[in-house]
Each structure stands twice: as C-alpha cells, then as structure tokens.
Amino acid sequence: MCLENKYDDPVFFEKYAQMDRSRLGLEGAGEWQTLQAMIPPLQGKDLLDLGCGYGWHCRYAVQQGAKSVVGVDLSEKMLRTAREKTHGMPVCYLHMPMEEIDFAPERFDGVLSSLALHYVEKIEPVFQKVYQCLRPGGFFLMNVEHPVFTAQGSQDWVYGPDGEKLFFPVDRYFDQGARSAVFLGETVTKYHRTLTAYIRALRAAGFELRDLQEPMPGDAWMQLPGMRDELRRPMMLILLAEKPLRPR
C-alpha cells in the first residue's frame, strides 16, 4: 500500500505548524465548540484517536479523566510533537496508517478521528475495524471535510475581476474518489465521498447514527478577516455513531 504522507514533508509541515490550530490547539479550531459538545463523557474510558496529529484531542481526553488513550498517525513529525505535548500522561502513540490498525476486540470505549478520514481511499474497512475494537455502547466520533467542500476538488472560491469571492464551486458531487486539492500552497490528495456514502458505511459496519452536525464558526470568530465567508458554505461534517449494546 502506497500512502501519501504530506505531513512529513519539511516544507508542508513547517507551513502547517504556523496554522492557528497548530499553535493554539483546540481553541484555535473553529469547529471545536461543536465537536466538544458532541464528545460523550470520557471519565475512566479507554480512547483511540485515529489521525491524532499533534495529540491535542489525546491531551483533552486525559484532562477529562480518560483512563488511557492510544493515538495513531502516519506522520512521525506529528507524533514527535504529540509526545512532547502529552509527556507524562497515559497516552501511547503508534506510527502507522489507520488502515492498518489491528486492536483486540472490544479494546476501547470510544474512537475519535478528526480531519483525517478524507485522506483514506476506502473507509469501509476502517469503519469495520473501528466497530470491532469498540465495546458495546462505545462511540465513534468523526470529523471530516464536508462533501460540499471536497466535491469540486480545488477547495477554493471562484473570484470576480476585483478578487471578490463570488461563490464556492460544487461539481462532480456523485463522482466519488481522489481529488487534487491545494492546501497551504501544496498539492495534496484527498478523497471525496457523498454524505450518503459516509452514513451507509457506518450502518454497514453495524453502527447506529446518533448525531450529525455541520459546524459553523462561533460569534467570537466573526471578527477575524474573511471568517464571515465561512457561513456561505459548509466546510466540515461531524458524525457521532454508536456500537449498539446488542448486534443488529
């Protein structure tokens, strides 16, 4: 399996390190207020974070009383930073693609994945593995780039003659698959899939959908330049699913 690992590219990683969500952590993420409200209680729980990046969510879980956290990421550079941020905490990091996880059945009470699954070509096997490693009643909380945002591919606005943002393009929505997107000035491969595809993959794995949110920046963010344009189209999609106490 040949997987793109842009986050270990020195140029790309340095650009990523300058983003607010990298420097400020969860408070620098516009979707955090919505995501935080959807996280079930973590006290005494065992948590898995797929695509853990800098480990911000791992750190938060421990602060909320999680018993243990396992973070998985493809980028060694990201994990190096994550280890520094959670030093002394009950967090274990694994350097591997999330497609290759192989945990014991019913190992975790919850699985979180934030802004990582749109880098995965086939989500169905991943969802099945997540289901297997969750205890009955366990949750799967995933935050991905919204299908409206990933559909056309460029992930940029259509501009007018004076540089004004005219509209955000949506094209080839039902044509699922790889897209070449420009992120931080670098070309990155992401995978577009429809909203239906995400939900059907969860249900096929055995999950029950509990909540769905399309987060918008809070009022405090509206003072930042260009932030009001974020209300013109959805950028992220958050899904909360649960492994039923009894199999369907």
C-alpha atoms as a PDB file:
ATOM      1  CA  MET A   1       0.000   0.000   0.000  1.00  0.00           C
ATOM      2  CA  CYS A   2       1.485   3.337  -1.064  1.00  0.00           C
ATOM      3  CA  LEU A   3       0.134   6.167   1.092  1.00  0.00           C
ATOM      4  CA  GLU A   4       0.812   9.857   0.657  1.00  0.00           C
ATOM      5  CA  ASN A   5       2.370  11.337   3.773  1.00  0.00           C
ATOM      6  CA  LYS A   6       2.472  15.063   3.152  1.00  0.00           C
ATOM      7  CA  TYR A   7       2.837  15.906   6.838  1.00  0.00           C
ATOM      8  CA  ASP A   8       6.394  14.560   6.978  1.00  0.00           C
ATOM      9  CA  ASP A   9       7.425  16.824   4.097  1.00  0.00           C
ATOM     10  CA  PRO A  10       9.570  19.542   5.777  1.00  0.00           C
ATOM     11  CA  VAL A  11       8.100  22.428   3.752  1.00  0.00           C
ATOM     12  CA  PHE A  12       4.491  21.353   4.235  1.00  0.00           C
ATOM     13  CA  PHE A  13       4.988  20.569   7.923  1.00  0.00           C
ATOM     14  CA  GLU A  14       6.503  23.994   8.585  1.00  0.00           C
ATOM     15  CA  LYS A  15       3.500  25.675   6.944  1.00  0.00           C
ATOM     16  CA  TYR A  16       1.118  23.511   8.958  1.00  0.00           C
ATOM     17  CA  ALA A  17       2.943  24.387  12.165  1.00  0.00           C
ATOM     18  CA  GLN A  18       2.069  28.071  11.612  1.00  0.00           C
ATOM     19  CA  MET A  19      -1.709  27.489  11.495  1.00  0.00           C
ATOM     20  CA  ASP A  20      -3.793  28.654  14.464  1.00  0.00           C
ATOM     21  CA  ARG A  21      -4.984  25.105  15.165  1.00  0.00           C
ATOM     22  CA  SER A  22      -1.333  24.044  15.369  1.00  0.00           C
ATOM     23  CA  ARG A  23      -0.153  26.918  17.555  1.00  0.00           C
ATOM     24  CA  LEU A  24      -3.227  27.399  19.754  1.00  0.00           C
ATOM     25  CA  GLY A  25      -4.543  23.841  19.927  1.00  0.00           C
ATOM     26  CA  LEU A  26      -8.250  23.100  20.166  1.00  0.00           C
ATOM     27  CA  GLU A  27      -9.138  26.709  20.910  1.00  0.00           C
ATOM     28  CA  GLY A  28      -7.633  27.596  17.526  1.00  0.00           C
ATOM     29  CA  ALA A  29     -10.007  25.243  15.699  1.00  0.00           C
ATOM     30  CA  GLY A  30     -13.244  26.841  14.506  1.00  0.00           C
ATOM     31  CA  GLU A  31     -15.195  23.593  14.823  1.00  0.00           C
ATOM     32  CA  TRP A  32     -14.060  22.784  18.354  1.00  0.00           C
ATOM     33  CA  GLN A  33     -17.079  24.237  20.156  1.00  0.00           C
ATOM     34  CA  THR A  34     -19.414  21.983  18.163  1.00  0.00           C
ATOM     35  CA  LEU A  35     -17.163  18.926  18.365  1.00  0.00           C
ATOM     36  CA  GLN A  36     -16.582  19.281  22.099  1.00  0.00           C
ATOM     37  CA  ALA A  37     -20.321  19.325  22.785  1.00  0.00           C
ATOM     38  CA  MET A  38     -20.692  16.005  20.939  1.00  0.00           C
ATOM     39  CA  ILE A  39     -17.993  14.092  22.862  1.00  0.00           C
ATOM     40  CA  PRO A  40     -19.560  11.637  25.332  1.00  0.00           C
ATOM     41  CA  PRO A  41     -18.232  11.567  28.923  1.00  0.00           C
ATOM     42  CA  LEU A  42     -14.627  10.348  28.988  1.00  0.00           C
ATOM     43  CA  GLN A  43     -14.113   9.711  32.710  1.00  0.00           C
ATOM     44  CA  GLY A  44     -12.494   6.297  33.167  1.00  0.00           C
ATOM     45  CA  LYS A  45     -12.699   5.479  29.452  1.00  0.00           C
ATOM     46  CA  ASP A  46     -10.183   3.971  27.035  1.00  0.00           C
ATOM     47  CA  LEU A  47      -9.972   6.113  23.898  1.00  0.00           C
ATOM     48  CA  LEU A  48      -8.481   5.651  20.417  1.00  0.00           C
ATOM     49  CA  ASP A  49      -7.612   8.695  18.289  1.00  0.00           C
ATOM     50  CA  LEU A  50      -7.165   7.904  14.577  1.00  0.00           C
ATOM     51  CA  GLY A  51      -5.064  10.508  12.787  1.00  0.00           C
ATOM     52  CA  CYS A  52      -4.156  12.095  16.104  1.00  0.00           C
ATOM     53  CA  GLY A  53      -1.748  14.666  14.654  1.00  0.00           C
ATOM     54  CA  TYR A  54      -0.344  16.923  17.356  1.00  0.00           C
ATOM     55  CA  GLY A  55      -2.218  14.978  20.043  1.00  0.00           C
ATOM     56  CA  TRP A  56      -4.495  17.829  21.086  1.00  0.00           C
ATOM     57  CA  HIS A  57      -7.536  15.545  21.423  1.00  0.00           C
ATOM     58  CA  CYS A  58      -5.463  12.940  23.285  1.00  0.00           C
ATOM     59  CA  ARG A  59      -4.435  15.595  25.770  1.00  0.00           C
ATOM     60  CA  TYR A  60      -8.021  16.786  26.157  1.00  0.00           C
ATOM     61  CA  ALA A  61      -9.246  13.232  26.802  1.00  0.00           C
ATOM     62  CA  VAL A  62      -6.758  12.751  29.645  1.00  0.00           C
ATOM     63  CA  GLN A  63      -7.742  16.111  31.117  1.00  0.00           C
ATOM     64  CA  GLN A  64     -11.358  14.909  31.060  1.00  0.00           C
ATOM     65  CA  GLY A  65     -10.446  11.810  33.045  1.00  0.00           C
ATOM     66  CA  ALA A  66      -9.824   9.207  30.360  1.00  0.00           C
ATOM     67  CA  LYS A  67      -8.044   6.152  31.755  1.00  0.00           C
ATOM     68  CA  SER A  68      -5.893   5.606  28.679  1.00  0.00           C
ATOM     69  CA  VAL A  69      -5.509   6.984  25.160  1.00  0.00           C
ATOM     70  CA  VAL A  70      -3.922   5.492  22.052  1.00  0.00           C
ATOM     71  CA  GLY A  71      -3.065   7.882  19.223  1.00  0.00           C
ATOM     72  CA  VAL A  72      -2.397   6.631  15.690  1.00  0.00           C
ATOM     73  CA  ASP A  73      -0.833   8.709  12.936  1.00  0.00           C
ATOM     74  CA  LEU A  74       1.113   8.220   9.714  1.00  0.00           C
ATOM     75  CA  SER A  75       3.397  11.204  10.325  1.00  0.00           C
ATOM     76  CA  GLU A  76       6.429  10.783  12.554  1.00  0.00           C
ATOM     77  CA  LYS A  77       6.852  14.568  12.680  1.00  0.00           C
ATOM     78  CA  MET A  78       3.326  14.971  14.046  1.00  0.00           C
ATOM     79  CA  LEU A  79       3.853  12.207  16.592  1.00  0.00           C
ATOM     80  CA  ARG A  80       7.099  13.723  17.776  1.00  0.00           C
ATOM     81  CA  THR A  81       5.228  16.913  18.671  1.00  0.00           C
ATOM     82  CA  ALA A  82       2.342  14.925  20.176  1.00  0.00           C
ATOM     83  CA  ARG A  83       4.674  13.058  22.518  1.00  0.00           C
ATOM     84  CA  GLU A  84       6.052  16.361  23.777  1.00  0.00           C
ATOM     85  CA  LYS A  85       2.573  17.760  24.443  1.00  0.00           C
ATOM     86  CA  THR A  86       1.397  14.704  26.402  1.00  0.00           C
ATOM     87  CA  HIS A  87       4.610  13.826  28.240  1.00  0.00           C
ATOM     88  CA  GLY A  88       3.806  12.065  31.496  1.00  0.00           C
ATOM     89  CA  MET A  89       0.197  11.370  30.505  1.00  0.00           C
ATOM     90  CA  PRO A  90      -1.307   7.883  29.949  1.00  0.00           C
ATOM     91  CA  VAL A  91      -1.070   8.235  26.176  1.00  0.00           C
ATOM     92  CA  CYS A  92       0.555   5.754  23.778  1.00  0.00           C
ATOM     93  CA  TYR A  93       1.310   6.677  20.166  1.00  0.00           C
ATOM     94  CA  LEU A  94       1.571   4.303  17.216  1.00  0.00           C
ATOM     95  CA  HIS A  95       3.284   5.310  13.984  1.00  0.00           C
ATOM     96  CA  MET A  96       1.139   3.618  11.338  1.00  0.00           C
ATOM     97  CA  PRO A  97      -1.660   4.217   8.816  1.00  0.00           C
ATOM     98  CA  MET A  98      -5.112   3.979  10.316  1.00  0.00           C
ATOM     99  CA  GLU A  99      -5.939   1.467   7.566  1.00  0.00           C
ATOM    100  CA  GLU A 100      -3.581  -1.000   9.285  1.00  0.00           C
ATOM    101  CA  ILE A 101      -4.881  -0.884  12.863  1.00  0.00           C
ATOM    102  CA  ASP A 102      -5.436  -4.311  14.394  1.00  0.00           C
ATOM    103  CA  PHE A 103      -6.550  -3.984  18.004  1.00  0.00           C
ATOM    104  CA  ALA A 104      -8.091  -6.664  20.180  1.00  0.00           C
ATOM    105  CA  PRO A 105     -11.896  -6.882  20.048  1.00  0.00           C
ATOM    106  CA  GLU A 106     -13.697  -4.526  22.439  1.00  0.00           C
ATOM    107  CA  ARG A 107     -10.464  -2.763  23.422  1.00  0.00           C
ATOM    108  CA  PHE A 108     -11.867   0.795  23.536  1.00  0.00           C
ATOM    109  CA  ASP A 109     -14.854   2.734  24.868  1.00  0.00           C
ATOM    110  CA  GLY A 110     -14.594   5.410  22.208  1.00  0.00           C
ATOM    111  CA  VAL A 111     -12.885   6.212  18.924  1.00  0.00           C
ATOM    112  CA  LEU A 112     -12.282   9.740  17.666  1.00  0.00           C
ATOM    113  CA  SER A 113     -10.995  10.813  14.276  1.00  0.00           C
ATOM    114  CA  SER A 114     -10.693  14.491  13.370  1.00  0.00           C
ATOM    115  CA  LEU A 115      -9.852  15.750   9.866  1.00  0.00           C
ATOM    116  CA  ALA A 116      -8.091  12.551   8.828  1.00  0.00           C
ATOM    117  CA  LEU A 117     -10.555  10.193   7.143  1.00  0.00           C
ATOM    118  CA  HIS A 118     -10.741  12.268   3.949  1.00  0.00           C
ATOM    119  CA  TYR A 119      -7.148  11.150   3.336  1.00  0.00           C
ATOM    120  CA  VAL A 120      -8.294   7.496   3.324  1.00  0.00           C
ATOM    121  CA  GLU A 121      -9.183   5.915  -0.006  1.00  0.00           C
ATOM    122  CA  LYS A 122     -11.508   3.221   1.374  1.00  0.00           C
ATOM    123  CA  ILE A 123     -13.320   3.971   4.611  1.00  0.00           C
ATOM    124  CA  GLU A 124     -15.406   0.788   4.787  1.00  0.00           C
ATOM    125  CA  PRO A 125     -12.584  -1.478   6.095  1.00  0.00           C
ATOM    126  CA  VAL A 126     -11.561   1.210   8.595  1.00  0.00           C
ATOM    127  CA  PHE A 127     -15.110   1.525   9.928  1.00  0.00           C
ATOM    128  CA  GLN A 128     -15.312  -2.254  10.296  1.00  0.00           C
ATOM    129  CA  LYS A 129     -12.076  -2.304  12.294  1.00  0.00           C
ATOM    130  CA  VAL A 130     -13.319   0.541  14.486  1.00  0.00           C
ATOM    131  CA  TYR A 131     -16.530  -1.367  15.155  1.00  0.00           C
ATOM    132  CA  GLN A 132     -14.631  -4.499  16.145  1.00  0.00           C
ATOM    133  CA  CYS A 133     -12.323  -2.746  18.598  1.00  0.00           C
ATOM    134  CA  LEU A 134     -15.180  -0.875  20.330  1.00  0.00           C
ATOM    135  CA  ARG A 135     -17.003  -2.210  23.346  1.00  0.00           C
ATOM    136  CA  PRO A 136     -20.808  -2.436  23.082  1.00  0.00           C
ATOM    137  CA  GLY A 137     -22.238   1.014  23.683  1.00  0.00           C
ATOM    138  CA  GLY A 138     -18.959   2.617  22.583  1.00  0.00           C
ATOM    139  CA  PHE A 139     -18.922   5.727  20.404  1.00  0.00           C
ATOM    140  CA  PHE A 140     -17.287   6.650  17.111  1.00  0.00           C
ATOM    141  CA  LEU A 141     -16.961  10.419  16.640  1.00  0.00           C
ATOM    142  CA  MET A 142     -15.597  11.531  13.283  1.00  0.00           C
ATOM    143  CA  ASN A 143     -14.945  14.972  11.840  1.00  0.00           C
ATOM    144  CA  VAL A 144     -14.256  15.140   8.092  1.00  0.00           C
ATOM    145  CA  GLU A 145     -14.192  17.762   5.391  1.00  0.00           C
ATOM    146  CA  HIS A 146     -17.750  18.248   4.198  1.00  0.00           C
ATOM    147  CA  PRO A 147     -18.705  16.583   0.883  1.00  0.00           C
ATOM    148  CA  VAL A 148     -19.701  20.013  -0.458  1.00  0.00           C
ATOM    149  CA  PHE A 149     -16.169  21.196   0.330  1.00  0.00           C
ATOM    150  CA  THR A 150     -14.390  18.213  -1.238  1.00  0.00           C
ATOM    151  CA  ALA A 151     -16.579  17.706  -4.327  1.00  0.00           C
ATOM    152  CA  GLN A 152     -15.069  20.022  -6.927  1.00  0.00           C
ATOM    153  CA  GLY A 153     -11.517  19.409  -5.811  1.00  0.00           C
ATOM    154  CA  SER A 154      -9.795  22.778  -5.782  1.00  0.00           C
ATOM    155  CA  GLN A 155     -11.360  23.730  -2.428  1.00  0.00           C
ATOM    156  CA  ASP A 156     -11.193  27.385  -3.386  1.00  0.00           C
ATOM    157  CA  TRP A 157     -13.676  30.086  -4.291  1.00  0.00           C
ATOM    158  CA  VAL A 158     -14.497  31.417  -7.726  1.00  0.00           C
ATOM    159  CA  TYR A 159     -13.282  35.013  -7.749  1.00  0.00           C
ATOM    160  CA  GLY A 160     -14.519  38.122  -9.542  1.00  0.00           C
ATOM    161  CA  PRO A 161     -12.385  40.571 -11.549  1.00  0.00           C
ATOM    162  CA  ASP A 162     -11.508  42.536  -8.412  1.00  0.00           C
ATOM    163  CA  GLY A 163     -10.670  39.465  -6.352  1.00  0.00           C
ATOM    164  CA  GLU A 164     -14.038  39.278  -4.613  1.00  0.00           C
ATOM    165  CA  LYS A 165     -15.383  35.833  -3.681  1.00  0.00           C
ATOM    166  CA  LEU A 166     -18.324  35.186  -5.994  1.00  0.00           C
ATOM    167  CA  PHE A 167     -19.290  31.653  -4.993  1.00  0.00           C
ATOM    168  CA  PHE A 168     -17.888  28.302  -3.887  1.00  0.00           C
ATOM    169  CA  PRO A 169     -17.978  25.709  -6.693  1.00  0.00           C
ATOM    170  CA  VAL A 170     -19.662  22.327  -6.261  1.00  0.00           C
ATOM    171  CA  ASP A 171     -19.131  19.921  -9.140  1.00  0.00           C
ATOM    172  CA  ARG A 172     -18.867  16.140  -9.717  1.00  0.00           C
ATOM    173  CA  TYR A 173     -20.587  15.577  -6.377  1.00  0.00           C
ATOM    174  CA  PHE A 174     -21.624  11.996  -7.153  1.00  0.00           C
ATOM    175  CA  ASP A 175     -18.276  11.158  -8.763  1.00  0.00           C
ATOM    176  CA  GLN A 176     -16.533   9.761  -5.696  1.00  0.00           C
ATOM    177  CA  GLY A 177     -12.792   9.291  -5.494  1.00  0.00           C
ATOM    178  CA  ALA A 178      -9.464  11.084  -5.424  1.00  0.00           C
ATOM    179  CA  ARG A 179      -9.178  14.844  -5.724  1.00  0.00           C
ATOM    180  CA  SER A 180      -6.089  17.030  -6.054  1.00  0.00           C
ATOM    181  CA  ALA A 181      -6.558  19.829  -3.564  1.00  0.00           C
ATOM    182  CA  VAL A 182      -4.316  22.771  -2.779  1.00  0.00           C
ATOM    183  CA  PHE A 183      -3.744  23.074   0.972  1.00  0.00           C
ATOM    184  CA  LEU A 184      -1.229  25.568   2.382  1.00  0.00           C
ATOM    185  CA  GLY A 185       0.006  26.155  -1.160  1.00  0.00           C
ATOM    186  CA  GLU A 186       0.883  22.485  -1.637  1.00  0.00           C
ATOM    187  CA  THR A 187      -0.888  19.840  -3.732  1.00  0.00           C
ATOM    188  CA  VAL A 188      -2.497  17.180  -1.533  1.00  0.00           C
ATOM    189  CA  THR A 189      -4.552  14.112  -2.465  1.00  0.00           C
ATOM    190  CA  LYS A 190      -7.878  13.831  -0.671  1.00  0.00           C
ATOM    191  CA  TYR A 191     -10.828  11.522  -1.251  1.00  0.00           C
ATOM    192  CA  HIS A 192     -14.309  12.817  -1.935  1.00  0.00           C
ATOM    193  CA  ARG A 193     -17.377  10.827  -0.968  1.00  0.00           C
ATOM    194  CA  THR A 194     -21.000  11.784  -0.571  1.00  0.00           C
ATOM    195  CA  LEU A 195     -22.872  12.282   2.676  1.00  0.00           C
ATOM    196  CA  THR A 196     -24.836   9.145   1.829  1.00  0.00           C
ATOM    197  CA  ALA A 197     -21.589   7.165   1.462  1.00  0.00           C
ATOM    198  CA  TYR A 198     -20.396   8.128   4.947  1.00  0.00           C
ATOM    199  CA  ILE A 199     -23.682   7.183   6.592  1.00  0.00           C
ATOM    200  CA  ARG A 200     -24.139   3.948   4.640  1.00  0.00           C
ATOM    201  CA  ALA A 201     -20.568   2.874   5.502  1.00  0.00           C
ATOM    202  CA  LEU A 202     -21.289   3.431   9.192  1.00  0.00           C
ATOM    203  CA  ARG A 203     -24.521   1.449   9.024  1.00  0.00           C
ATOM    204  CA  ALA A 204     -22.899  -1.348   7.001  1.00  0.00           C
ATOM    205  CA  ALA A 205     -20.261  -1.726   9.725  1.00  0.00           C
ATOM    206  CA  GLY A 206     -23.011  -2.124  12.334  1.00  0.00           C
ATOM    207  CA  PHE A 207     -23.143   1.390  13.811  1.00  0.00           C
ATOM    208  CA  GLU A 208     -26.204   3.414  14.738  1.00  0.00           C
ATOM    209  CA  LEU A 209     -26.056   7.129  13.886  1.00  0.00           C
ATOM    210  CA  ARG A 210     -26.627   9.286  16.970  1.00  0.00           C
ATOM    211  CA  ASP A 211     -25.928  12.831  15.789  1.00  0.00           C
ATOM    212  CA  LEU A 212     -24.829  14.866  12.778  1.00  0.00           C
ATOM    213  CA  GLN A 213     -23.569  18.445  12.753  1.00  0.00           C
ATOM    214  CA  GLU A 214     -22.254  20.884  10.137  1.00  0.00           C
ATOM    215  CA  PRO A 215     -20.244  23.196  12.409  1.00  0.00           C
ATOM    216  CA  MET A 216     -20.165  26.943  11.909  1.00  0.00           C
ATOM    217  CA  PRO A 217     -17.618  29.321  13.467  1.00  0.00           C
ATOM    218  CA  GLY A 218     -18.868  30.848  16.713  1.00  0.00           C
ATOM    219  CA  ASP A 219     -19.579  34.559  17.218  1.00  0.00           C
ATOM    220  CA  ALA A 220     -16.101  35.174  18.624  1.00  0.00           C
ATOM    221  CA  TRP A 221     -14.607  34.089  15.302  1.00  0.00           C
ATOM    222  CA  MET A 222     -16.616  36.552  13.225  1.00  0.00           C
ATOM    223  CA  GLN A 223     -14.141  39.345  13.969  1.00  0.00           C
ATOM    224  CA  LEU A 224     -11.371  37.573  12.053  1.00  0.00           C
ATOM    225  CA  PRO A 225     -10.734  38.619   8.436  1.00  0.00           C
ATOM    226  CA  GLY A 226     -12.712  36.575   5.912  1.00  0.00           C
ATOM    227  CA  MET A 227     -14.448  34.499   8.581  1.00  0.00           C
ATOM    228  CA  ARG A 228     -17.974  35.568   7.577  1.00  0.00           C
ATOM    229  CA  ASP A 229     -17.409  33.852   4.245  1.00  0.00           C
ATOM    230  CA  GLU A 230     -17.251  30.573   6.192  1.00  0.00           C
ATOM    231  CA  LEU A 231     -21.025  30.909   6.671  1.00  0.00           C
ATOM    232  CA  ARG A 232     -21.578  30.711   2.905  1.00  0.00           C
ATOM    233  CA  ARG A 233     -20.753  27.004   2.582  1.00  0.00           C
ATOM    234  CA  PRO A 234     -20.128  24.068   4.924  1.00  0.00           C
ATOM    235  CA  MET A 235     -16.501  23.097   5.426  1.00  0.00           C
ATOM    236  CA  MET A 236     -16.787  20.232   7.908  1.00  0.00           C
ATOM    237  CA  LEU A 237     -19.127  17.392   8.780  1.00  0.00           C
ATOM    238  CA  ILE A 238     -19.239  15.745  12.228  1.00  0.00           C
ATOM    239  CA  LEU A 239     -20.898  12.367  12.716  1.00  0.00           C
ATOM    240  CA  LEU A 240     -21.465  10.604  16.035  1.00  0.00           C
ATOM    241  CA  ALA A 241     -22.209   6.881  15.835  1.00  0.00           C
ATOM    242  CA  GLU A 242     -22.589   4.179  18.464  1.00  0.00           C
ATOM    243  CA  LYS A 243     -21.934   0.450  18.591  1.00  0.00           C
ATOM    244  CA  PRO A 244     -25.236  -0.967  19.858  1.00  0.00           C
ATOM    245  CA  LEU A 245     -25.348  -2.967  23.065  1.00  0.00           C
ATOM    246  CA  ARG A 246     -26.750  -5.847  21.027  1.00  0.00           C
ATOM    247  CA  PRO A 247     -25.761  -6.502  17.385  1.00  0.00           C
ATOM    248  CA  ARG A 248     -28.412  -5.595  14.830  1.00  0.00           C
END
